[in-house]
Amino acid sequence: MALDDNCDGAADGPFGDNITQDAGECVVYKICVTNTGEQALNGTGVTVSDAHIGFTDINFGSIAVGAPAVCKEVPSVITTATQCADGKCICEDVQGTNTASISSAVCVNTQVNACDQDGSICEDTATVECVSEAICRTPGFWMTHGCGTTGTPLYGPCEGKTGSQNITQQVINACGGCLDVCGRDITDTATMSYDSAIEAMCDNPGKPIFHLTAMALNCCISGFGSDCSGGDAYLSNLFAEANNSCAMGGSYRKDEVDCWNNGGKYDNGKCWYGTCEGTDTLCKESTWDCNCISFPNNCHEMDLCNEDMGLCFDEGKPAGSAKACTAAKKNGCNVFDGTCTSGTLGGSCVVEP
């Protein structure tokens, strides 16, 4: 299979057995049959079926001994696949593993089933994984977009600012109501709470929980779940390893988490934000000899909106917990060991996928 980013039914690059595509975009399948035996196959045609894509007994014709592979693409040539309606195979409609199988391949001379003969390979698989575009904001955004010291009212106004609302709490609520970060339950945005996202970030600038709380919130608004398991393999692994390390008092991959929260890519121990125009050279900012172009679909430039979760925020409105963050830094409460007046010092929440 191959990527088909604009869903025109034509491959945009090389074919392979396993690909990852963005949700809402498409793929193209190429199914090939080769006769490696000593007799021609099927005077009436070799047929192929694939239940996952949704076609049955597609005729590939009679194939002579040693003839080049006969290939057909879905959806441009095989147009009857039920999962590829309207001439496009949308990622979410075909995600998972498909198996294309020879449903008929009869040797012309002996009239035996070629698939029963030693050495015959009569099925093959391919896998497509769909991932949504990531949305990310910095810890500085999330810790200042709660709502005052109490976290209420949810929809504002907060700290006397018209139009402000508790964005951070709304994302926590939409993600199951509990984030498992560094072995702590993050469930609210009130100050003086062991369970507070505001206390977790405002009290611990630059520390793993500071970055990981933001990452959990970013994965939530992206639709990946608070443990990022719904994202691609890299993202899921990054959060899991960094979060496990933090729970044990470590800081493994902390800088990498920070980089991702800021829309960058971590490579060779450094965070990069784009490539020099017209090249593949990684860059952080424009210089006299490099016009640094942001990575496409940069998560930091995506709208803070996930319609499937019913969340879309106007970031032009005032922040609702800037003063609360300042108070949190001074109140003696810390999600790890301070004197808080509410919540639970520990972690037990069940992470929602």
Protein backbone atom coordinates (compact mmCIF):
# COMPACT_ATOMS: atom_id res chain seq x y z
CA MET A 1 0.00 0.00 0.00
CA ALA A 2 0.99 3.65 -0.39
CA LEU A 3 -0.05 7.05 0.90
CA ASP A 4 -2.67 9.03 -1.01
CA ASP A 5 -2.74 12.32 0.85
CA ASN A 6 -5.17 14.13 -1.45
CA CYS A 7 -7.46 11.10 -1.90
CA ASP A 8 -7.32 11.16 -5.70
CA GLY A 9 -6.81 7.38 -5.94
CA ALA A 10 -3.17 7.67 -7.03
CA ALA A 11 -0.16 6.71 -4.91
CA ASP A 12 1.91 9.64 -3.64
CA GLY A 13 5.01 7.57 -2.93
CA PRO A 14 6.43 4.04 -2.72
CA PHE A 15 4.38 0.99 -1.80
CA GLY A 16 5.05 -0.99 1.38
CA ASP A 17 3.51 -3.57 3.69
CA ASN A 18 3.01 -1.22 6.66
CA ILE A 19 2.23 2.48 6.56
CA THR A 20 0.94 5.19 8.87
CA GLN A 21 -1.46 7.76 7.45
CA ASP A 22 -3.13 10.83 8.90
CA ALA A 23 -6.78 10.42 9.80
CA GLY A 24 -9.04 11.75 7.05
CA GLU A 25 -6.48 11.06 4.33
CA CYS A 26 -6.29 8.02 2.07
CA VAL A 27 -4.23 5.04 0.97
CA VAL A 28 -3.84 3.04 -2.24
CA TYR A 29 -3.48 -0.74 -2.33
CA LYS A 30 -1.48 -2.62 -4.97
CA ILE A 31 -2.22 -6.35 -5.26
CA CYS A 32 0.10 -8.40 -7.45
CA VAL A 33 0.02 -12.04 -8.56
CA THR A 34 3.08 -13.84 -9.95
CA ASN A 35 3.25 -17.35 -11.47
CA THR A 36 6.43 -18.96 -10.10
CA GLY A 37 5.42 -22.48 -11.08
CA GLU A 38 5.86 -24.65 -14.21
CA GLN A 39 2.34 -24.42 -15.68
CA ALA A 40 0.17 -21.58 -16.84
CA LEU A 41 -2.57 -20.65 -14.42
CA ASN A 42 -6.31 -20.60 -15.09
CA GLY A 43 -7.57 -20.32 -18.57
CA THR A 44 -10.52 -18.45 -17.11
CA GLY A 45 -8.36 -16.28 -14.86
CA VAL A 46 -6.74 -16.24 -11.43
CA THR A 47 -9.04 -14.59 -8.89
CA VAL A 48 -8.26 -12.72 -5.68
CA SER A 49 -10.45 -11.76 -2.71
CA ASP A 50 -9.94 -9.50 0.30
CA ALA A 51 -12.64 -9.40 2.95
CA HIS A 52 -11.10 -6.48 4.86
CA ILE A 53 -11.09 -4.10 1.92
CA GLY A 54 -14.31 -5.64 0.65
CA PHE A 55 -13.94 -7.32 -2.73
CA THR A 56 -14.43 -10.88 -3.95
CA ASP A 57 -13.06 -12.90 -6.89
CA ILE A 58 -11.39 -10.11 -8.83
CA ASN A 59 -10.07 -11.65 -12.05
CA PHE A 60 -6.35 -11.19 -12.75
CA GLY A 61 -6.48 -13.19 -15.99
CA SER A 62 -4.52 -16.21 -17.12
CA ILE A 63 -0.86 -15.94 -16.07
CA ALA A 64 1.85 -17.68 -18.07
CA VAL A 65 4.94 -19.32 -16.58
CA GLY A 66 7.59 -16.67 -15.92
CA ALA A 67 5.31 -13.80 -16.91
CA PRO A 68 5.71 -10.44 -15.15
CA ALA A 69 3.59 -9.92 -12.06
CA VAL A 70 0.01 -8.90 -12.79
CA CYS A 71 -0.90 -5.98 -10.52
CA LYS A 72 -4.13 -4.15 -9.86
CA GLU A 73 -4.59 -1.11 -7.61
CA VAL A 74 -7.45 -0.27 -5.28
CA PRO A 75 -9.38 1.99 -5.77
CA SER A 76 -8.37 3.01 -9.33
CA VAL A 77 -8.54 -0.41 -11.05
CA ILE A 78 -10.43 -2.53 -8.54
CA THR A 79 -13.35 -0.16 -8.09
CA THR A 80 -15.80 -2.47 -6.32
CA ALA A 81 -14.13 -2.58 -2.87
CA THR A 82 -16.89 -1.78 -0.40
CA GLN A 83 -14.54 -0.01 2.02
CA CYS A 84 -13.21 2.28 -0.71
CA ALA A 85 -16.37 3.97 -1.90
CA ASP A 86 -16.34 6.94 -4.27
CA GLY A 87 -12.90 6.09 -5.58
CA LYS A 88 -10.97 6.58 -2.33
CA CYS A 89 -9.76 4.41 0.53
CA ILE A 90 -10.10 6.72 3.55
CA CYS A 91 -7.72 5.67 6.31
CA GLU A 92 -10.34 5.18 9.03
CA ASP A 93 -12.43 2.97 6.70
CA VAL A 94 -9.60 0.52 5.99
CA GLN A 95 -7.30 0.77 9.02
CA GLY A 96 -5.94 -2.46 10.38
CA THR A 97 -4.56 -5.50 8.60
CA ASN A 98 -5.96 -6.75 5.31
CA THR A 99 -5.30 -10.15 3.76
CA ALA A 100 -5.46 -10.56 -0.02
CA SER A 101 -5.97 -14.25 -0.86
CA ILE A 102 -5.99 -16.24 -4.09
CA SER A 103 -9.52 -17.58 -4.38
CA SER A 104 -8.86 -19.53 -7.59
CA ALA A 105 -5.60 -20.54 -9.27
CA VAL A 106 -5.89 -23.77 -11.31
CA CYS A 107 -2.92 -25.25 -13.16
CA VAL A 108 -3.92 -25.48 -16.84
CA ASN A 109 -2.32 -28.86 -17.58
CA THR A 110 -3.06 -30.86 -14.43
CA GLN A 111 -6.16 -28.97 -13.28
CA VAL A 112 -4.96 -29.01 -9.66
CA ASN A 113 -5.17 -26.11 -7.24
CA ALA A 114 -1.86 -24.25 -7.46
CA CYS A 115 -2.23 -23.07 -3.86
CA ASP A 116 -2.02 -26.68 -2.66
CA GLN A 117 1.42 -27.14 -4.19
CA ASP A 118 4.65 -26.89 -2.19
CA GLY A 119 6.21 -23.45 -2.33
CA SER A 120 3.04 -21.62 -3.27
CA ILE A 121 2.25 -18.42 -1.35
CA CYS A 122 -1.39 -17.58 -1.90
CA GLU A 123 -2.05 -14.78 0.56
CA ASP A 124 -0.33 -11.65 1.78
CA THR A 125 -1.07 -9.00 4.36
CA ALA A 126 -0.56 -5.29 4.80
CA THR A 127 -1.33 -2.96 7.70
CA VAL A 128 -2.36 0.67 7.81
CA GLU A 129 -2.43 2.74 11.00
CA CYS A 130 -4.38 6.00 11.18
CA VAL A 131 -3.32 8.86 13.42
CA SER A 132 -5.02 12.19 14.04
CA GLU A 133 -3.13 15.44 13.73
CA ALA A 134 -1.67 16.33 17.10
CA ILE A 135 -2.56 19.56 18.91
CA CYS A 136 -0.14 20.95 21.47
CA ARG A 137 0.33 23.91 23.77
CA THR A 138 3.06 24.71 26.27
CA PRO A 139 2.81 24.20 30.04
CA GLY A 140 2.65 27.99 30.25
CA PHE A 141 -0.64 27.92 28.36
CA TRP A 142 -2.27 25.14 30.36
CA MET A 143 -1.28 26.46 33.80
CA THR A 144 -2.74 29.90 33.05
CA HIS A 145 -5.99 28.69 31.49
CA GLY A 146 -7.69 27.30 34.58
CA CYS A 147 -10.14 29.48 36.50
CA GLY A 148 -8.93 31.31 39.56
CA THR A 149 -7.95 29.51 42.76
CA THR A 150 -11.09 27.35 42.88
CA GLY A 151 -11.23 26.26 39.24
CA THR A 152 -14.78 27.56 38.98
CA PRO A 153 -16.95 28.58 37.27
CA LEU A 154 -16.02 26.21 34.48
CA TYR A 155 -17.09 28.59 31.73
CA GLY A 156 -15.94 31.76 33.48
CA PRO A 157 -15.51 34.56 33.88
CA CYS A 158 -12.30 33.88 35.77
CA GLU A 159 -10.24 36.30 37.84
CA GLY A 160 -12.62 39.05 36.74
CA LYS A 161 -11.74 38.68 33.05
CA THR A 162 -14.64 38.68 30.62
CA GLY A 163 -14.45 35.81 28.14
CA SER A 164 -12.01 33.72 30.16
CA GLN A 165 -12.92 30.12 30.99
CA ASN A 166 -11.37 27.01 32.48
CA ILE A 167 -9.96 25.39 29.35
CA THR A 168 -7.66 23.08 31.29
CA GLN A 169 -10.47 21.59 33.38
CA GLN A 170 -12.72 21.12 30.37
CA VAL A 171 -10.00 19.09 28.65
CA ILE A 172 -9.44 16.98 31.78
CA ASN A 173 -13.18 16.31 32.02
CA ALA A 174 -13.44 15.35 28.35
CA CYS A 175 -10.54 12.92 28.79
CA GLY A 176 -12.14 10.80 31.49
CA GLY A 177 -11.70 13.22 34.38
CA CYS A 178 -8.32 11.96 35.54
CA LEU A 179 -4.77 12.19 34.16
CA ASP A 180 -2.18 9.75 35.48
CA VAL A 181 0.98 11.87 35.56
CA CYS A 182 4.15 10.90 37.45
CA GLY A 183 2.13 8.59 39.70
CA ARG A 184 -0.26 11.38 40.65
CA ASP A 185 -3.95 11.81 39.87
CA ILE A 186 -4.58 15.09 38.07
CA THR A 187 -8.32 15.75 38.28
CA ASP A 188 -8.84 19.45 38.99
CA THR A 189 -7.39 22.94 38.64
CA ALA A 190 -7.93 24.30 42.15
CA THR A 191 -5.03 25.56 44.21
CA MET A 192 -4.22 23.81 47.49
CA SER A 193 -5.16 20.46 45.89
CA TYR A 194 -2.91 17.44 45.50
CA ASP A 195 -4.87 16.64 42.34
CA SER A 196 -4.42 20.03 40.69
CA ALA A 197 -2.95 20.57 37.22
CA ILE A 198 -2.23 24.15 38.29
CA GLU A 199 -0.23 23.04 41.34
CA ALA A 200 1.56 20.32 39.31
CA MET A 201 2.84 22.82 36.76
CA CYS A 202 3.11 26.12 38.64
CA ASP A 203 5.02 24.57 41.56
CA ASN A 204 7.43 22.56 39.42
CA PRO A 205 8.71 24.69 36.53
CA GLY A 206 11.07 22.79 34.23
CA LYS A 207 10.63 19.50 36.10
CA PRO A 208 9.24 16.32 34.49
CA ILE A 209 5.73 16.73 35.94
CA PHE A 210 5.62 20.28 34.53
CA HIS A 211 6.19 18.97 31.00
CA LEU A 212 4.26 15.70 31.35
CA THR A 213 1.08 17.33 32.68
CA ALA A 214 1.06 19.54 29.60
CA MET A 215 1.77 16.56 27.36
CA ALA A 216 -1.15 14.61 28.85
CA LEU A 217 -3.44 17.59 28.24
CA ASN A 218 -2.11 17.94 24.69
CA CYS A 219 -2.75 14.28 23.98
CA CYS A 220 -6.25 14.65 25.43
CA ILE A 221 -7.24 17.55 23.18
CA SER A 222 -5.69 15.67 20.24
CA GLY A 223 -8.00 12.72 20.91
CA PHE A 224 -5.12 10.39 21.81
CA GLY A 225 -6.12 9.77 25.43
CA SER A 226 -4.28 11.12 28.46
CA ASP A 227 -1.53 8.49 28.10
CA CYS A 228 -1.03 9.35 24.40
CA SER A 229 -1.69 5.72 23.43
CA GLY A 230 -4.00 6.82 20.63
CA GLY A 231 -1.19 8.70 18.90
CA ASP A 232 1.55 7.15 16.80
CA ALA A 233 4.02 4.65 18.23
CA TYR A 234 6.67 7.32 18.89
CA LEU A 235 4.33 9.53 20.89
CA SER A 236 2.87 6.67 22.90
CA ASN A 237 6.32 5.36 23.76
CA LEU A 238 7.65 8.82 24.64
CA PHE A 239 4.92 9.48 27.18
CA ALA A 240 5.04 5.99 28.66
CA GLU A 241 8.80 6.00 29.22
CA ALA A 242 9.00 9.58 30.49
CA ASN A 243 5.97 9.15 32.76
CA ASN A 244 7.24 5.89 34.26
CA SER A 245 10.62 7.51 34.91
CA CYS A 246 8.99 10.52 36.57
CA ALA A 247 6.91 8.27 38.84
CA MET A 248 10.18 6.78 40.09
CA GLY A 249 11.79 10.17 40.60
CA GLY A 250 13.66 10.26 37.28
CA SER A 251 13.71 12.66 34.36
CA TYR A 252 14.26 10.33 31.39
CA ARG A 253 13.30 11.97 28.04
CA LYS A 254 12.13 15.15 29.82
CA ASP A 255 13.70 17.45 27.22
CA GLU A 256 12.10 15.42 24.44
CA VAL A 257 8.67 15.89 26.02
CA ASP A 258 9.34 19.62 26.31
CA CYS A 259 10.31 19.72 22.64
CA TRP A 260 7.12 17.99 21.54
CA ASN A 261 4.94 20.30 23.66
CA ASN A 262 6.47 23.21 21.76
CA GLY A 263 5.80 21.75 18.32
CA GLY A 264 9.38 20.65 17.69
CA LYS A 265 11.13 17.43 16.71
CA TYR A 266 13.88 16.01 18.89
CA ASP A 267 16.95 14.81 17.02
CA ASN A 268 20.51 14.20 18.15
CA GLY A 269 19.86 15.65 21.58
CA LYS A 270 18.44 18.92 20.26
CA CYS A 271 14.98 20.32 19.59
CA TRP A 272 14.32 21.53 16.04
CA TYR A 273 11.36 23.52 14.78
CA GLY A 274 11.62 23.23 11.01
CA THR A 275 13.86 22.84 8.00
CA CYS A 276 15.80 25.41 6.03
CA GLU A 277 13.71 26.37 3.02
CA GLY A 278 14.35 24.10 0.05
CA THR A 279 16.47 21.63 2.04
CA ASP A 280 16.18 18.86 4.62
CA THR A 281 18.52 20.67 7.02
CA LEU A 282 16.97 20.96 10.47
CA CYS A 283 16.78 24.42 12.00
CA LYS A 284 15.53 26.25 15.08
CA GLU A 285 15.09 29.75 13.70
CA SER A 286 15.79 31.78 10.59
CA THR A 287 19.34 33.06 10.14
CA TRP A 288 21.15 35.00 7.44
CA ASP A 289 21.70 31.80 5.44
CA CYS A 290 18.54 29.84 6.38
CA ASN A 291 14.87 30.65 6.11
CA CYS A 292 13.54 28.23 8.73
CA ILE A 293 10.18 26.80 7.62
CA SER A 294 8.05 25.22 10.36
CA PHE A 295 7.37 21.52 10.08
CA PRO A 296 4.09 20.86 8.23
CA ASN A 297 1.07 20.23 10.46
CA ASN A 298 3.01 21.58 13.43
CA CYS A 299 0.96 20.67 16.50
CA HIS A 300 1.61 24.08 18.06
CA GLU A 301 0.02 25.81 15.08
CA MET A 302 -3.12 23.66 15.02
CA ASP A 303 -6.37 25.19 16.29
CA LEU A 304 -7.24 24.25 19.86
CA CYS A 305 -10.28 22.38 18.63
CA ASN A 306 -11.45 18.77 18.68
CA GLU A 307 -14.99 18.67 17.35
CA ASP A 308 -15.35 14.95 18.13
CA MET A 309 -14.87 15.81 21.82
CA GLY A 310 -17.08 18.88 21.62
CA LEU A 311 -14.17 21.17 22.45
CA CYS A 312 -13.25 24.28 20.47
CA PHE A 313 -11.63 27.24 22.20
CA ASP A 314 -11.03 30.85 21.23
CA GLU A 315 -7.46 31.49 22.30
CA GLY A 316 -7.93 35.20 21.83
CA LYS A 317 -9.77 35.36 25.15
CA PRO A 318 -7.95 36.21 28.41
CA ALA A 319 -6.18 33.59 30.51
CA GLY A 320 -8.15 32.64 33.61
CA SER A 321 -5.59 31.49 36.18
CA ALA A 322 -2.48 33.64 35.88
CA LYS A 323 -3.01 35.02 39.40
CA ALA A 324 -3.89 31.54 40.71
CA CYS A 325 -0.59 30.23 39.35
CA THR A 326 1.29 32.93 41.24
CA ALA A 327 -0.63 32.00 44.40
CA ALA A 328 0.14 28.31 43.89
CA LYS A 329 3.86 29.02 43.90
CA LYS A 330 3.59 30.60 47.35
CA ASN A 331 1.01 28.50 49.19
CA GLY A 332 3.19 25.60 50.33
CA CYS A 333 1.07 22.98 48.54
CA ASN A 334 2.85 20.59 46.19
CA VAL A 335 1.40 17.53 44.50
CA PHE A 336 4.37 15.51 45.75
CA ASP A 337 4.98 16.50 49.33
CA GLY A 338 3.44 19.81 50.34
CA THR A 339 0.67 20.68 52.75
CA CYS A 340 -2.43 20.71 50.57
CA THR A 341 -5.95 20.87 51.91
CA SER A 342 -7.80 18.73 49.35
CA GLY A 343 -7.22 15.85 46.99
CA THR A 344 -5.20 12.70 47.53
CA LEU A 345 -1.42 12.43 47.80
CA GLY A 346 -0.89 9.55 45.41
CA GLY A 347 -2.34 8.07 42.26
CA SER A 348 -5.07 5.57 41.47
CA CYS A 349 -7.00 6.85 38.47
CA VAL A 350 -7.85 4.60 35.56
CA VAL A 351 -6.59 6.18 32.34
CA GLU A 352 -9.24 6.50 29.67
CA PRO A 353 -8.06 5.45 26.17
